[in-house]
Structure formats: C-alpha cells, structure tokens
Amino acid sequence: MKTWTVAAALLFVCTLSLGQTARKPCDELKTEITKKLDDKGVVGYTLEVVDKGKEAEAKVVGSCDGGTKSIVYTRGAASPEKTESANAKKPQ
C-alpha cells in the first residue's frame, strides 16, 4: 500500500513540474502584458523581447521561450499606433 502511495505522489509531483516548464511563445506573452497595461490605462511605454542577460536598464516584466528571452518594459515614447489607441480610450 505504501509503495502505491509513494508512486502516486511521485507521479503527481512530476506532472506538476512538467506544466511549469512549458515554453510560452514570446509574442503571446507580450500580447498578454500589453493588454494588461492598456487595461490599466498605461501610456507611453514600449515592450521589447530581448535575449536573457541583455536587459540593460529596462525593467524585466516577463520571461518566455523557456527562459531564454526576456520581455522588458521601458517608459517613454510609444509607437504611434499605441498612442492613437490610448487617445481613443480617453473620455472627452
């Protein structure tokens, strides 16, 4: 009986660890982060996907592709597309 309990526990732990190491595509994660920032009304920022270790002065807001890349947040001028969509959301 103890053998089966131990085996079941090991199987459960292994299953959980596999789910945590799944590779999330950078484009998908960047889209999710962009949506969250836009929902909070954040304007004037850029998100960039960079290699791990090449973050420089930017704030790391996500990790993707199995930890090989980072998504960094930089305050400042956003692309014109983001500025226009942010202005369209502001009440007049």
Protein backbone atom coordinates (compact mmCIF):
# COMPACT_ATOMS: atom_id res chain seq x y z
CA MET A 1 0.00 0.00 0.00
CA LYS A 2 2.84 2.39 0.87
CA THR A 3 4.52 1.67 -2.45
CA TRP A 4 1.41 2.74 -4.38
CA THR A 5 1.05 5.90 -2.30
CA VAL A 6 4.67 6.86 -2.92
CA ALA A 7 4.36 6.08 -6.63
CA ALA A 8 1.19 8.19 -6.93
CA ALA A 9 2.85 11.08 -5.09
CA LEU A 10 5.90 10.97 -7.38
CA LEU A 11 3.70 10.88 -10.47
CA PHE A 12 1.75 13.89 -9.20
CA VAL A 13 4.92 15.90 -8.50
CA CYS A 14 6.39 15.05 -11.90
CA THR A 15 3.18 16.10 -13.64
CA LEU A 16 3.19 19.46 -11.85
CA SER A 17 6.80 20.16 -12.69
CA LEU A 18 6.26 19.47 -16.40
CA GLY A 19 3.49 22.07 -16.56
CA GLN A 20 5.70 24.75 -15.03
CA THR A 21 8.49 24.32 -17.56
CA ALA A 22 6.26 24.75 -20.61
CA ARG A 23 7.60 27.19 -23.18
CA LYS A 24 5.33 30.17 -23.71
CA PRO A 25 5.85 31.96 -27.02
CA CYS A 26 7.17 35.50 -26.62
CA ASP A 27 4.57 37.04 -28.93
CA GLU A 28 1.74 35.50 -26.90
CA LEU A 29 3.15 36.70 -23.57
CA LYS A 30 3.92 40.17 -24.96
CA THR A 31 0.30 40.45 -26.16
CA GLU A 32 -1.00 39.47 -22.70
CA ILE A 33 1.23 42.02 -20.96
CA THR A 34 0.26 44.73 -23.46
CA LYS A 35 -3.43 44.04 -22.82
CA LYS A 36 -2.95 44.28 -19.04
CA LEU A 37 -1.06 47.57 -19.33
CA ASP A 38 -3.64 49.02 -21.74
CA ASP A 39 -6.48 47.94 -19.42
CA LYS A 40 -4.78 49.86 -16.59
CA GLY A 41 -4.52 52.96 -18.79
CA VAL A 42 -0.74 52.94 -19.06
CA VAL A 43 0.52 55.03 -21.99
CA GLY A 44 3.94 55.96 -23.31
CA TYR A 45 5.77 52.67 -22.96
CA THR A 46 7.48 50.07 -25.09
CA LEU A 47 7.78 46.33 -24.63
CA GLU A 48 10.69 44.55 -26.29
CA VAL A 49 11.74 40.92 -26.47
CA VAL A 50 15.48 40.57 -25.78
CA ASP A 51 17.87 37.72 -25.11
CA LYS A 52 18.29 36.73 -21.48
CA GLY A 53 21.08 38.81 -19.95
CA LYS A 54 20.72 41.68 -22.46
CA GLU A 55 18.11 43.60 -20.44
CA ALA A 56 20.34 46.66 -19.76
CA GLU A 57 18.47 49.39 -17.83
CA ALA A 58 14.94 48.24 -18.70
CA LYS A 59 12.60 46.53 -16.25
CA VAL A 60 12.02 42.83 -16.93
CA VAL A 61 8.26 42.14 -16.94
CA GLY A 62 8.24 38.61 -18.35
CA SER A 63 10.25 35.61 -19.38
CA CYS A 64 9.42 33.49 -22.41
CA ASP A 65 10.68 30.72 -24.70
CA GLY A 66 11.63 28.56 -21.74
CA GLY A 67 13.57 31.33 -20.01
CA THR A 68 15.86 32.07 -22.95
CA LYS A 69 14.35 35.50 -23.62
CA SER A 70 13.02 38.36 -21.51
CA ILE A 71 10.31 40.93 -22.13
CA VAL A 72 11.41 44.35 -20.95
CA TYR A 73 9.35 47.46 -20.19
CA THR A 74 10.69 50.91 -20.96
CA ARG A 75 8.93 54.17 -20.16
CA GLY A 76 8.97 56.78 -22.88
CA ALA A 77 7.66 57.28 -26.36
CA ALA A 78 5.40 54.53 -27.54
CA SER A 79 4.70 53.66 -31.12
CA PRO A 80 2.17 55.95 -32.85
CA GLU A 81 -0.27 53.04 -33.01
CA LYS A 82 -0.31 52.70 -29.20
CA THR A 83 -0.64 56.45 -28.68
CA GLU A 84 -3.61 56.66 -31.02
CA SER A 85 -5.39 53.73 -29.37
CA ALA A 86 -4.75 55.20 -25.91
CA ASN A 87 -6.14 58.58 -27.00
CA ALA A 88 -9.24 56.91 -28.40
CA LYS A 89 -9.94 55.31 -25.00
CA LYS A 90 -9.74 58.61 -23.05
CA PRO A 91 -13.08 60.21 -22.23
CA GLN A 92 -13.59 63.65 -23.74
